[in-house]
Protein backbone atom coordinates (compact mmCIF):
# COMPACT_ATOMS: atom_id res chain seq x y z
CA UNK A 1 0.01 0.10 0.17
CA UNK A 2 2.63 2.57 0.57
CA UNK A 3 3.96 1.72 -2.55
CA UNK A 4 0.78 2.98 -4.64
CA UNK A 5 1.01 6.17 -2.90
CA UNK A 6 4.21 7.12 -3.37
CA UNK A 7 3.71 6.31 -7.33
CA UNK A 8 0.64 8.38 -7.06
CA UNK A 9 2.78 11.45 -5.60
CA UNK A 10 5.27 11.38 -8.31
CA UNK A 11 2.76 11.43 -11.14
CA UNK A 12 2.19 14.94 -10.75
CA UNK A 13 5.27 15.63 -10.51
CA UNK A 14 6.60 13.94 -13.70
CA UNK A 15 3.48 16.10 -15.42
CA UNK A 16 4.53 19.50 -13.78
CA UNK A 17 7.92 19.24 -15.68
CA UNK A 18 6.89 18.45 -18.19
CA UNK A 19 4.70 21.39 -18.83
CA UNK A 20 7.22 23.87 -17.23
CA UNK A 21 9.78 21.95 -19.87
CA UNK A 22 6.75 23.07 -22.64
CA UNK A 23 6.28 26.57 -20.89
CA UNK A 24 10.22 27.17 -21.54
CA UNK A 25 9.89 26.43 -25.17
CA UNK A 26 7.59 28.46 -25.74
CA UNK A 27 9.05 31.74 -24.32
CA UNK A 28 11.94 30.90 -26.23
CA UNK A 29 10.13 31.76 -29.50
CA UNK A 30 9.95 35.47 -29.07
CA UNK A 31 7.77 38.21 -29.37
CA UNK A 32 4.73 37.92 -31.67
CA UNK A 33 3.72 40.15 -34.50
CA UNK A 34 1.31 41.74 -32.20
CA UNK A 35 3.89 42.52 -29.50
CA UNK A 36 6.66 44.36 -31.93
CA UNK A 37 7.76 47.68 -30.78
CA UNK A 38 10.17 50.09 -32.53
CA UNK A 39 12.34 52.50 -30.95
CA UNK A 40 14.29 55.63 -31.64
CA UNK A 41 17.43 55.87 -29.39
CA UNK A 42 18.32 58.99 -27.43
CA UNK A 43 20.81 60.27 -29.99
CA UNK A 44 19.05 59.47 -33.14
CA UNK A 45 17.17 62.71 -34.91
CA UNK A 46 14.82 62.17 -37.74
CA UNK A 47 14.03 65.09 -40.24
CA UNK A 48 11.17 63.94 -42.09
CA UNK A 49 8.36 61.75 -42.02
CA UNK A 50 8.02 58.85 -39.90
CA UNK A 51 5.72 56.14 -40.61
CA UNK A 52 4.94 52.55 -39.55
CA UNK A 53 3.01 48.88 -38.74
CA UNK A 54 3.81 48.81 -35.34
CA UNK A 55 4.18 50.49 -32.36
CA UNK A 56 7.13 53.31 -31.20
CA UNK A 57 8.88 54.94 -28.60
CA UNK A 58 10.93 58.13 -29.10
CA UNK A 59 13.70 58.48 -26.65
CA UNK A 60 15.41 60.93 -29.64
CA UNK A 61 13.95 63.75 -31.27
CA UNK A 62 11.76 64.27 -34.48
CA UNK A 63 11.19 67.06 -36.74
CA UNK A 64 8.18 66.13 -39.20
CA UNK A 65 5.40 63.88 -38.89
CA UNK A 66 4.76 60.90 -37.65
CA UNK A 67 1.60 58.60 -38.44
CA UNK A 68 1.15 54.85 -36.95
CA UNK A 69 -2.50 54.80 -37.70
CA UNK A 70 -3.24 51.51 -36.28
CA UNK A 71 -0.55 51.31 -33.52
CA UNK A 72 0.62 52.86 -29.72
CA UNK A 73 3.22 55.73 -30.12
CA UNK A 74 5.34 56.70 -26.85
CA UNK A 75 7.03 60.09 -26.48
CA UNK A 76 9.30 58.61 -23.64
CA UNK A 77 10.61 61.24 -20.95
CA UNK A 78 14.20 61.97 -23.18
CA UNK A 79 11.79 62.39 -26.58
CA UNK A 80 11.20 65.22 -28.44
CA UNK A 81 8.84 65.68 -31.39
CA UNK A 82 8.49 68.86 -33.30
CA UNK A 83 5.39 67.20 -35.55
CA UNK A 84 1.78 66.23 -35.64
CA UNK A 85 1.43 63.07 -34.39
CA UNK A 86 -1.56 60.62 -35.48
CA UNK A 87 -1.95 56.76 -33.75
CA UNK A 88 -4.47 55.09 -32.20
CA UNK A 89 -2.98 55.34 -28.86
CA UNK A 90 -0.43 58.25 -27.58
CA UNK A 91 1.68 58.86 -24.54
CA UNK A 92 3.53 61.61 -24.08
CA UNK A 93 6.67 61.72 -21.57
CA UNK A 94 8.56 64.63 -22.51
CA UNK A 95 8.03 67.27 -25.28
CA UNK A 96 5.83 67.75 -28.04
CA UNK A 97 5.25 70.77 -30.22
CA UNK A 98 2.75 69.74 -32.72
CA UNK A 99 -1.38 68.29 -32.75
CA UNK A 100 -1.93 64.87 -31.68
CA UNK A 101 -4.89 63.26 -32.89
CA UNK A 102 -5.24 59.15 -31.78
CA UNK A 103 -8.21 57.11 -32.25
CA UNK A 104 -8.76 55.81 -28.57
CA UNK A 105 -6.63 57.81 -26.27
CA UNK A 106 -4.39 60.73 -25.79
CA UNK A 107 -2.03 60.21 -22.23
CA UNK A 108 0.13 63.24 -21.00
CA UNK A 109 2.63 61.99 -18.04
CA UNK A 110 3.40 64.05 -15.22
CA UNK A 111 6.57 64.87 -17.39
CA UNK A 112 4.61 65.94 -20.14
CA UNK A 113 5.17 68.97 -22.26
CA UNK A 114 2.93 69.63 -24.97
CA UNK A 115 1.89 72.63 -26.64
CA UNK A 116 -0.58 72.11 -29.71
CA UNK A 117 -4.21 70.48 -30.23
CA UNK A 118 -4.95 67.66 -28.85
CA UNK A 119 -7.97 65.33 -30.44
CA UNK A 120 -9.26 61.87 -29.03
CA UNK A 121 -12.18 60.43 -27.25
CA UNK A 122 -10.29 59.74 -24.16
CA UNK A 123 -8.34 62.34 -22.93
CA UNK A 124 -5.75 62.06 -19.41
CA UNK A 125 -3.44 65.01 -18.12
CA UNK A 126 -1.76 63.54 -15.15
CA UNK A 127 -1.08 65.89 -12.20
CA UNK A 128 2.20 67.80 -13.01
CA UNK A 129 1.83 68.00 -17.22
CA UNK A 130 1.80 71.12 -19.22
CA UNK A 131 -0.25 71.58 -21.96
CA UNK A 132 -1.41 74.38 -24.32
CA UNK A 133 -3.77 74.13 -26.70
CA UNK A 134 -7.39 72.80 -28.03
CA UNK A 135 -8.76 69.43 -26.91
CA UNK A 136 -11.28 68.42 -28.91
CA UNK A 137 -12.86 64.50 -27.24
CA UNK A 138 -14.79 64.17 -30.73
CA UNK A 139 -17.90 61.25 -30.66
CA UNK A 140 -16.85 57.94 -30.41
CA UNK A 141 -19.41 57.23 -32.84
CA UNK A 142 -18.63 59.54 -35.51
CA UNK A 143 -14.77 58.32 -36.44
CA UNK A 144 -13.63 58.16 -32.78
CA UNK A 145 -11.28 61.97 -31.96
CA UNK A 146 -10.64 62.75 -35.46
CA UNK A 147 -10.66 66.45 -35.28
CA UNK A 148 -13.78 67.49 -37.51
CA UNK A 149 -13.23 71.40 -36.75
CA UNK A 150 -14.45 73.22 -33.62
CA UNK A 151 -13.53 72.57 -30.33
CA UNK A 152 -12.30 74.68 -26.68
CA UNK A 153 -9.16 76.44 -26.78
CA UNK A 154 -7.77 77.11 -23.63
CA UNK A 155 -4.22 76.67 -21.94
CA UNK A 156 -3.61 75.04 -18.62
CA UNK A 157 -1.24 73.85 -16.85
CA UNK A 158 -2.95 70.23 -14.64
CA UNK A 159 -0.76 70.85 -11.69
CA UNK A 160 -1.94 74.29 -11.10
CA UNK A 161 -5.51 74.84 -9.02
CA UNK A 162 -7.66 76.53 -11.95
CA UNK A 163 -5.16 77.55 -14.01
CA UNK A 164 -6.53 78.42 -17.55
CA UNK A 165 -5.53 81.50 -19.86
CA UNK A 166 -5.41 81.35 -23.49
CA UNK A 167 -8.08 82.01 -25.47
CA UNK A 168 -11.25 80.22 -23.87
CA UNK A 169 -11.68 83.30 -21.46
CA UNK A 170 -14.38 85.14 -23.97
CA UNK A 171 -17.34 86.51 -23.27
CA UNK A 172 -17.05 89.66 -24.72
CA UNK A 173 -17.09 88.75 -28.61
CA UNK A 174 -20.79 87.20 -27.56
CA UNK A 175 -21.97 90.99 -26.09
CA UNK A 176 -20.62 92.70 -28.52
CA UNK A 177 -22.49 90.33 -31.32
CA UNK A 178 -25.54 91.46 -29.51
CA UNK A 179 -25.26 95.12 -29.15
CA UNK A 180 -25.41 94.88 -32.79
């Protein structure tokens, strides 16, 4: 009877070891096509148009335009982009001087410095981020955040309570129109 119990205890160990070996083989195959991510390093400067069919992280400097329609773009903490950006998801940790246009979401991290208009159905401004421009959150059922004209225009530093300024103050224009 003691031998039977010992045999039962050994069987699960062998099965577990076989599974571990199979898992290890799967890990060695590398990332799948859906996990592809390119990186523009800190010492790289690109002048011109950047396009692609994979996610991209910019740590260097891009001057021109960046278009990754169905993919994610991250501007890293050391990244500097002087360009309009079009992507599915845009995350900014560095500096961007240009318009951001995302189908899904734009996230400005606490270290972000953005001057330009942003357009996306979902927008996140973390505490400490700096943003100056217009926001268009669009109608998701009519093509996501793609700019269709109009929108609010204001300047704000998200870490400043009640911080606003720029073009969004107004009120005088409306009263002038009523008087004539």
